[in-house]
PDB file of all heavy atoms in Angstrom:
ATOM      1  N   VAL A   1      11.283  -2.310 -16.375  1.00  0.00           N
ATOM      2  CA  VAL A   1      10.230  -2.859 -15.540  1.00  0.00           C
ATOM      3  C   VAL A   1       9.102  -3.390 -16.413  1.00  0.00           C
ATOM      4  O   VAL A   1       8.660  -2.723 -17.361  1.00  0.00           O
ATOM      5  CB  VAL A   1       9.690  -1.792 -14.558  1.00  0.00           C
ATOM      6  CG1 VAL A   1       8.359  -2.225 -13.957  1.00  0.00           C
ATOM      7  CG2 VAL A   1      10.697  -1.539 -13.453  1.00  0.00           C
ATOM      8  N   LEU A   2       8.658  -4.587 -16.122  1.00  0.00           N
ATOM      9  CA  LEU A   2       7.495  -5.191 -16.760  1.00  0.00           C
ATOM     10  C   LEU A   2       6.332  -5.019 -15.799  1.00  0.00           C
ATOM     11  O   LEU A   2       6.267  -5.693 -14.764  1.00  0.00           O
ATOM     12  CB  LEU A   2       7.755  -6.664 -17.059  1.00  0.00           C
ATOM     13  CG  LEU A   2       9.029  -6.944 -17.863  1.00  0.00           C
ATOM     14  CD1 LEU A   2       9.301  -8.441 -17.945  1.00  0.00           C
ATOM     15  CD2 LEU A   2       8.916  -6.354 -19.257  1.00  0.00           C
ATOM     16  N   SER A   3       5.439  -4.092 -16.094  1.00  0.00           N
ATOM     17  CA  SER A   3       4.454  -3.658 -15.110  1.00  0.00           C
ATOM     18  C   SER A   3       3.037  -3.913 -15.591  1.00  0.00           C
ATOM     19  O   SER A   3       2.722  -3.755 -16.778  1.00  0.00           O
ATOM     20  CB  SER A   3       4.632  -2.156 -14.845  1.00  0.00           C
ATOM     21  OG  SER A   3       3.600  -1.674 -14.015  1.00  0.00           O
ATOM     22  N   GLY A   4       2.171  -4.309 -14.646  1.00  0.00           N
ATOM     23  CA  GLY A   4       0.740  -4.394 -14.921  1.00  0.00           C
ATOM     24  C   GLY A   4       0.105  -3.021 -14.841  1.00  0.00           C
ATOM     25  O   GLY A   4       0.682  -2.074 -14.289  1.00  0.00           O
ATOM     26  N   TYR A   5      -1.102  -2.889 -15.393  1.00  0.00           N
ATOM     27  CA  TYR A   5      -1.766  -1.582 -15.389  1.00  0.00           C
ATOM     28  C   TYR A   5      -2.001  -1.085 -13.965  1.00  0.00           C
ATOM     29  O   TYR A   5      -1.931   0.106 -13.689  1.00  0.00           O
ATOM     30  CB  TYR A   5      -3.103  -1.673 -16.150  1.00  0.00           C
ATOM     31  CG  TYR A   5      -2.927  -1.714 -17.633  1.00  0.00           C
ATOM     32  CD1 TYR A   5      -3.112  -2.913 -18.340  1.00  0.00           C
ATOM     33  CD2 TYR A   5      -2.552  -0.582 -18.347  1.00  0.00           C
ATOM     34  CE1 TYR A   5      -2.942  -2.966 -19.719  1.00  0.00           C
ATOM     35  CE2 TYR A   5      -2.379  -0.637 -19.734  1.00  0.00           C
ATOM     36  CZ  TYR A   5      -2.571  -1.822 -20.408  1.00  0.00           C
ATOM     37  OH  TYR A   5      -2.391  -1.872 -21.763  1.00  0.00           O
ATOM     38  N   ALA A   6      -2.268  -2.017 -13.052  1.00  0.00           N
ATOM     39  CA  ALA A   6      -2.535  -1.610 -11.671  1.00  0.00           C
ATOM     40  C   ALA A   6      -1.296  -1.022 -11.011  1.00  0.00           C
ATOM     41  O   ALA A   6      -1.396  -0.295 -10.024  1.00  0.00           O
ATOM     42  CB  ALA A   6      -3.028  -2.808 -10.863  1.00  0.00           C
ATOM     43  N   GLU A   7      -0.101  -1.318 -11.569  1.00  0.00           N
ATOM     44  CA  GLU A   7       1.147  -0.837 -10.977  1.00  0.00           C
ATOM     45  C   GLU A   7       1.706   0.350 -11.742  1.00  0.00           C
ATOM     46  O   GLU A   7       2.843   0.740 -11.532  1.00  0.00           O
ATOM     47  CB  GLU A   7       2.188  -1.968 -10.997  1.00  0.00           C
ATOM     48  CG  GLU A   7       1.747  -3.257 -10.331  1.00  0.00           C
ATOM     49  CD  GLU A   7       2.644  -4.408 -10.736  1.00  0.00           C
ATOM     50  OE1 GLU A   7       2.611  -4.792 -11.915  1.00  0.00           O
ATOM     51  OE2 GLU A   7       3.371  -4.881  -9.871  1.00  0.00           O
ATOM     52  N   LEU A   8       0.914   0.908 -12.625  1.00  0.00           N
ATOM     53  CA  LEU A   8       1.414   1.943 -13.524  1.00  0.00           C
ATOM     54  C   LEU A   8       1.985   3.135 -12.770  1.00  0.00           C
ATOM     55  O   LEU A   8       3.058   3.641 -13.105  1.00  0.00           O
ATOM     56  CB  LEU A   8       0.295   2.394 -14.460  1.00  0.00           C
ATOM     57  CG  LEU A   8       0.719   3.199 -15.692  1.00  0.00           C
ATOM     58  CD1 LEU A   8       1.772   2.447 -16.494  1.00  0.00           C
ATOM     59  CD2 LEU A   8      -0.493   3.515 -16.556  1.00  0.00           C
ATOM     60  N   GLN A   9       1.293   3.585 -11.720  1.00  0.00           N
ATOM     61  CA  GLN A   9       1.758   4.752 -10.986  1.00  0.00           C
ATOM     62  C   GLN A   9       3.091   4.483 -10.290  1.00  0.00           C
ATOM     63  O   GLN A   9       3.994   5.319 -10.285  1.00  0.00           O
ATOM     64  CB  GLN A   9       0.711   5.197  -9.955  1.00  0.00           C
ATOM     65  CG  GLN A   9       1.072   6.499  -9.246  1.00  0.00           C
ATOM     66  CD  GLN A   9       1.279   7.650 -10.220  1.00  0.00           C
ATOM     67  OE1 GLN A   9       0.427   7.905 -11.082  1.00  0.00           O
ATOM     68  NE2 GLN A   9       2.407   8.334 -10.113  1.00  0.00           N
ATOM     69  N   ALA A  10       3.219   3.289  -9.695  1.00  0.00           N
ATOM     70  CA  ALA A  10       4.485   2.935  -9.032  1.00  0.00           C
ATOM     71  C   ALA A  10       5.623   2.897 -10.033  1.00  0.00           C
ATOM     72  O   ALA A  10       6.742   3.338  -9.753  1.00  0.00           O
ATOM     73  CB  ALA A  10       4.350   1.584  -8.329  1.00  0.00           C
ATOM     74  N   ALA A  11       5.344   2.370 -11.241  1.00  0.00           N
ATOM     75  CA  ALA A  11       6.376   2.323 -12.275  1.00  0.00           C
ATOM     76  C   ALA A  11       6.771   3.728 -12.722  1.00  0.00           C
ATOM     77  O   ALA A  11       7.953   4.017 -12.936  1.00  0.00           O
ATOM     78  CB  ALA A  11       5.879   1.504 -13.461  1.00  0.00           C
ATOM     79  N   LEU A  12       5.780   4.607 -12.858  1.00  0.00           N
ATOM     80  CA  LEU A  12       6.074   5.994 -13.233  1.00  0.00           C
ATOM     81  C   LEU A  12       6.918   6.684 -12.168  1.00  0.00           C
ATOM     82  O   LEU A  12       7.835   7.453 -12.477  1.00  0.00           O
ATOM     83  CB  LEU A  12       4.770   6.761 -13.471  1.00  0.00           C
ATOM     84  CG  LEU A  12       4.022   6.430 -14.781  1.00  0.00           C
ATOM     85  CD1 LEU A  12       2.640   7.074 -14.764  1.00  0.00           C
ATOM     86  CD2 LEU A  12       4.822   6.902 -15.985  1.00  0.00           C
ATOM     87  N   ASP A  13       6.602   6.424 -10.898  1.00  0.00           N
ATOM     88  CA  ASP A  13       7.379   7.015  -9.802  1.00  0.00           C
ATOM     89  C   ASP A  13       8.839   6.556  -9.885  1.00  0.00           C
ATOM     90  O   ASP A  13       9.766   7.362  -9.709  1.00  0.00           O
ATOM     91  CB  ASP A  13       6.782   6.618  -8.450  1.00  0.00           C
ATOM     92  CG  ASP A  13       5.426   7.272  -8.209  1.00  0.00           C
ATOM     93  OD1 ASP A  13       5.121   8.284  -8.895  1.00  0.00           O
ATOM     94  OD2 ASP A  13       4.682   6.771  -7.351  1.00  0.00           O
ATOM     95  N   ALA A  14       9.033   5.270 -10.155  1.00  0.00           N
ATOM     96  CA  ALA A  14      10.399   4.744 -10.275  1.00  0.00           C
ATOM     97  C   ALA A  14      11.106   5.363 -11.465  1.00  0.00           C
ATOM     98  O   ALA A  14      12.307   5.668 -11.416  1.00  0.00           O
ATOM     99  CB  ALA A  14      10.358   3.218 -10.414  1.00  0.00           C
ATOM    100  N   LEU A  15      10.383   5.574 -12.545  1.00  0.00           N
ATOM    101  CA  LEU A  15      10.958   6.203 -13.727  1.00  0.00           C
ATOM    102  C   LEU A  15      11.393   7.626 -13.420  1.00  0.00           C
ATOM    103  O   LEU A  15      12.490   8.063 -13.794  1.00  0.00           O
ATOM    104  CB  LEU A  15       9.929   6.200 -14.864  1.00  0.00           C
ATOM    105  CG  LEU A  15      10.390   6.720 -16.232  1.00  0.00           C
ATOM    106  CD1 LEU A  15      11.491   5.845 -16.793  1.00  0.00           C
ATOM    107  CD2 LEU A  15       9.209   6.791 -17.186  1.00  0.00           C
ATOM    108  N   ASN A  16      10.573   8.360 -12.693  1.00  0.00           N
ATOM    109  CA  ASN A  16      10.895   9.744 -12.339  1.00  0.00           C
ATOM    110  C   ASN A  16      12.076   9.841 -11.382  1.00  0.00           C
ATOM    111  O   ASN A  16      12.788  10.853 -11.365  1.00  0.00           O
ATOM    112  CB  ASN A  16       9.670  10.427 -11.730  1.00  0.00           C
ATOM    113  CG  ASN A  16       8.556  10.638 -12.747  1.00  0.00           C
ATOM    114  OD1 ASN A  16       8.824  10.769 -13.941  1.00  0.00           O
ATOM    115  ND2 ASN A  16       7.315  10.656 -12.287  1.00  0.00           N
ATOM    116  N   ARG A  17      12.286   8.807 -10.588  1.00  0.00           N
ATOM    117  CA  ARG A  17      13.427   8.804  -9.655  1.00  0.00           C
ATOM    118  C   ARG A  17      14.711   8.356 -10.338  1.00  0.00           C
ATOM    119  O   ARG A  17      15.769   8.303  -9.710  1.00  0.00           O
ATOM    120  CB  ARG A  17      13.137   7.878  -8.469  1.00  0.00           C
ATOM    121  CG  ARG A  17      12.097   8.397  -7.493  1.00  0.00           C
ATOM    122  CD  ARG A  17      12.144   7.603  -6.186  1.00  0.00           C
ATOM    123  NE  ARG A  17      11.851   6.195  -6.399  1.00  0.00           N
ATOM    124  CZ  ARG A  17      10.637   5.652  -6.309  1.00  0.00           C
ATOM    125  NH1 ARG A  17       9.589   6.424  -6.035  1.00  0.00           N
ATOM    126  NH2 ARG A  17      10.458   4.361  -6.504  1.00  0.00           N
ATOM    127  N   GLY A  18      14.630   8.007 -11.599  1.00  0.00           N
ATOM    128  CA  GLY A  18      15.819   7.563 -12.317  1.00  0.00           C
ATOM    129  C   GLY A  18      16.185   6.121 -12.055  1.00  0.00           C
ATOM    130  O   GLY A  18      17.279   5.676 -12.415  1.00  0.00           O
ATOM    131  N   GLU A  19      15.294   5.346 -11.427  1.00  0.00           N
ATOM    132  CA  GLU A  19      15.582   3.949 -11.118  1.00  0.00           C
ATOM    133  C   GLU A  19      15.309   3.042 -12.319  1.00  0.00           C
ATOM    134  O   GLU A  19      15.804   1.912 -12.360  1.00  0.00           O
ATOM    135  CB  GLU A  19      14.741   3.492  -9.927  1.00  0.00           C
ATOM    136  CG  GLU A  19      15.049   4.243  -8.643  1.00  0.00           C
ATOM    137  CD  GLU A  19      14.072   3.923  -7.525  1.00  0.00           C
ATOM    138  OE1 GLU A  19      13.082   3.210  -7.773  1.00  0.00           O
ATOM    139  OE2 GLU A  19      14.302   4.408  -6.399  1.00  0.00           O
ATOM    140  N   VAL A  20      14.522   3.513 -13.276  1.00  0.00           N
ATOM    141  CA  VAL A  20      14.073   2.683 -14.387  1.00  0.00           C
ATOM    142  C   VAL A  20      14.369   3.389 -15.703  1.00  0.00           C
ATOM    143  O   VAL A  20      14.166   4.607 -15.832  1.00  0.00           O
ATOM    144  CB  VAL A  20      12.563   2.383 -14.269  1.00  0.00           C
ATOM    145  CG1 VAL A  20      12.051   1.648 -15.501  1.00  0.00           C
ATOM    146  CG2 VAL A  20      12.277   1.575 -13.011  1.00  0.00           C
ATOM    147  N   TYR A  21      14.837   2.617 -16.695  1.00  0.00           N
ATOM    148  CA  TYR A  21      15.085   3.161 -18.031  1.00  0.00           C
ATOM    149  C   TYR A  21      13.775   3.188 -18.832  1.00  0.00           C
ATOM    150  O   TYR A  21      13.422   4.188 -19.453  1.00  0.00           O
ATOM    151  CB  TYR A  21      16.140   2.305 -18.725  1.00  0.00           C
ATOM    152  CG  TYR A  21      16.315   2.594 -20.190  1.00  0.00           C
ATOM    153  CD1 TYR A  21      16.705   3.853 -20.642  1.00  0.00           C
ATOM    154  CD2 TYR A  21      16.101   1.589 -21.140  1.00  0.00           C
ATOM    155  CE1 TYR A  21      16.862   4.122 -21.998  1.00  0.00           C
ATOM    156  CE2 TYR A  21      16.270   1.844 -22.492  1.00  0.00           C
ATOM    157  CZ  TYR A  21      16.638   3.116 -22.909  1.00  0.00           C
ATOM    158  OH  TYR A  21      16.803   3.371 -24.254  1.00  0.00           O
ATOM    159  N   ARG A  22      13.086   2.083 -18.855  1.00  0.00           N
ATOM    160  CA  ARG A  22      11.807   1.992 -19.542  1.00  0.00           C
ATOM    161  C   ARG A  22      10.889   1.074 -18.752  1.00  0.00           C
ATOM    162  O   ARG A  22      11.351   0.239 -17.969  1.00  0.00           O
ATOM    163  CB  ARG A  22      11.975   1.392 -20.948  1.00  0.00           C
ATOM    164  CG  ARG A  22      12.770   2.222 -21.919  1.00  0.00           C
ATOM    165  CD  ARG A  22      11.919   3.266 -22.630  1.00  0.00           C
ATOM    166  NE  ARG A  22      12.742   4.109 -23.472  1.00  0.00           N
ATOM    167  CZ  ARG A  22      13.148   3.785 -24.692  1.00  0.00           C
ATOM    168  NH1 ARG A  22      12.818   2.613 -25.211  1.00  0.00           N
ATOM    169  NH2 ARG A  22      13.884   4.621 -25.403  1.00  0.00           N
ATOM    170  N   PHE A  23       9.572   1.218 -18.963  1.00  0.00           N
ATOM    171  CA  PHE A  23       8.667   0.212 -18.432  1.00  0.00           C
ATOM    172  C   PHE A  23       7.713  -0.220 -19.526  1.00  0.00           C
ATOM    173  O   PHE A  23       7.296   0.576 -20.372  1.00  0.00           O
ATOM    174  CB  PHE A  23       7.928   0.705 -17.181  1.00  0.00           C
ATOM    175  CG  PHE A  23       6.893   1.764 -17.448  1.00  0.00           C
ATOM    176  CD1 PHE A  23       5.589   1.430 -17.810  1.00  0.00           C
ATOM    177  CD2 PHE A  23       7.212   3.112 -17.302  1.00  0.00           C
ATOM    178  CE1 PHE A  23       4.644   2.407 -18.038  1.00  0.00           C
ATOM    179  CE2 PHE A  23       6.273   4.092 -17.530  1.00  0.00           C
ATOM    180  CZ  PHE A  23       4.981   3.750 -17.906  1.00  0.00           C
ATOM    181  N   LEU A  24       7.417  -1.514 -19.527  1.00  0.00           N
ATOM    182  CA  LEU A  24       6.516  -2.110 -20.495  1.00  0.00           C
ATOM    183  C   LEU A  24       5.336  -2.697 -19.744  1.00  0.00           C
ATOM    184  O   LEU A  24       5.521  -3.360 -18.714  1.00  0.00           O
ATOM    185  CB  LEU A  24       7.214  -3.219 -21.292  1.00  0.00           C
ATOM    186  CG  LEU A  24       8.505  -2.830 -22.038  1.00  0.00           C
ATOM    187  CD1 LEU A  24       9.110  -4.059 -22.707  1.00  0.00           C
ATOM    188  CD2 LEU A  24       8.228  -1.750 -23.066  1.00  0.00           C
ATOM    189  N   THR A  25       4.145  -2.461 -20.259  1.00  0.00           N
ATOM    190  CA  THR A  25       2.960  -3.005 -19.597  1.00  0.00           C
ATOM    191  C   THR A  25       2.698  -4.428 -20.077  1.00  0.00           C
ATOM    192  O   THR A  25       3.012  -4.794 -21.212  1.00  0.00           O
ATOM    193  CB  THR A  25       1.730  -2.129 -19.877  1.00  0.00           C
ATOM    194  OG1 THR A  25       1.570  -1.995 -21.283  1.00  0.00           O
ATOM    195  CG2 THR A  25       1.895  -0.765 -19.236  1.00  0.00           C
ATOM    196  N   LYS A  26       2.157  -5.220 -19.192  1.00  0.00           N
ATOM    197  CA  LYS A  26       1.817  -6.607 -19.501  1.00  0.00           C
ATOM    198  C   LYS A  26       0.385  -6.681 -20.034  1.00  0.00           C
ATOM    199  O   LYS A  26      -0.488  -5.996 -19.489  1.00  0.00           O
ATOM    200  CB  LYS A  26       1.956  -7.460 -18.247  1.00  0.00           C
ATOM    201  CG  LYS A  26       3.377  -7.574 -17.694  1.00  0.00           C
ATOM    202  CD  LYS A  26       3.416  -8.513 -16.503  1.00  0.00           C
ATOM    203  CE  LYS A  26       3.482  -7.725 -15.218  1.00  0.00           C
ATOM    204  NZ  LYS A  26       3.636  -8.572 -14.037  1.00  0.00           N
ATOM    205  N   PRO A  27       0.124  -7.507 -21.053  1.00  0.00           N
ATOM    206  CA  PRO A  27       1.106  -8.296 -21.836  1.00  0.00           C
ATOM    207  C   PRO A  27       1.828  -7.410 -22.838  1.00  0.00           C
ATOM    208  O   PRO A  27       1.235  -6.491 -23.389  1.00  0.00           O
ATOM    209  CB  PRO A  27       0.215  -9.320 -22.547  1.00  0.00           C
ATOM    210  CG  PRO A  27      -1.094  -8.627 -22.693  1.00  0.00           C
ATOM    211  CD  PRO A  27      -1.264  -7.756 -21.489  1.00  0.00           C
ATOM    212  N   TRP A  28       3.098  -7.667 -23.040  1.00  0.00           N
ATOM    213  CA  TRP A  28       3.891  -6.816 -23.910  1.00  0.00           C
ATOM    214  C   TRP A  28       3.996  -7.426 -25.315  1.00  0.00           C
ATOM    215  O   TRP A  28       3.755  -8.624 -25.511  1.00  0.00           O
ATOM    216  CB  TRP A  28       5.298  -6.621 -23.337  1.00  0.00           C
ATOM    217  CG  TRP A  28       6.049  -7.909 -23.230  1.00  0.00           C
ATOM    218  CD1 TRP A  28       6.757  -8.540 -24.210  1.00  0.00           C
ATOM    219  CD2 TRP A  28       6.132  -8.765 -22.089  1.00  0.00           C
ATOM    220  NE1 TRP A  28       7.297  -9.723 -23.757  1.00  0.00           N
ATOM    221  CE2 TRP A  28       6.923  -9.889 -22.452  1.00  0.00           C
ATOM    222  CE3 TRP A  28       5.633  -8.694 -20.794  1.00  0.00           C
ATOM    223  CZ2 TRP A  28       7.203 -10.924 -21.564  1.00  0.00           C
ATOM    224  CZ3 TRP A  28       5.912  -9.712 -19.925  1.00  0.00           C
ATOM    225  CH2 TRP A  28       6.688 -10.809 -20.303  1.00  0.00           C
ATOM    226  N   ASP A  29       4.385  -6.620 -26.245  1.00  0.00           N
ATOM    227  CA  ASP A  29       4.650  -7.061 -27.616  1.00  0.00           C
ATOM    228  C   ASP A  29       6.106  -7.515 -27.703  1.00  0.00           C
ATOM    229  O   ASP A  29       7.021  -6.797 -27.286  1.00  0.00           O
ATOM    230  CB  ASP A  29       4.379  -5.900 -28.594  1.00  0.00           C
ATOM    231  CG  ASP A  29       4.692  -6.297 -30.023  1.00  0.00           C
ATOM    232  OD1 ASP A  29       3.871  -6.989 -30.630  1.00  0.00           O
ATOM    233  OD2 ASP A  29       5.784  -5.910 -30.489  1.00  0.00           O
TER     234      ASP A  29
END
């Protein structure tokens, strides 16, 4: 998931549910 800071909690929730392998915040390196 490529996530903005405002979506950080939603991305973490998806990570905890096993839906996401990694998430990167925008802008990414």
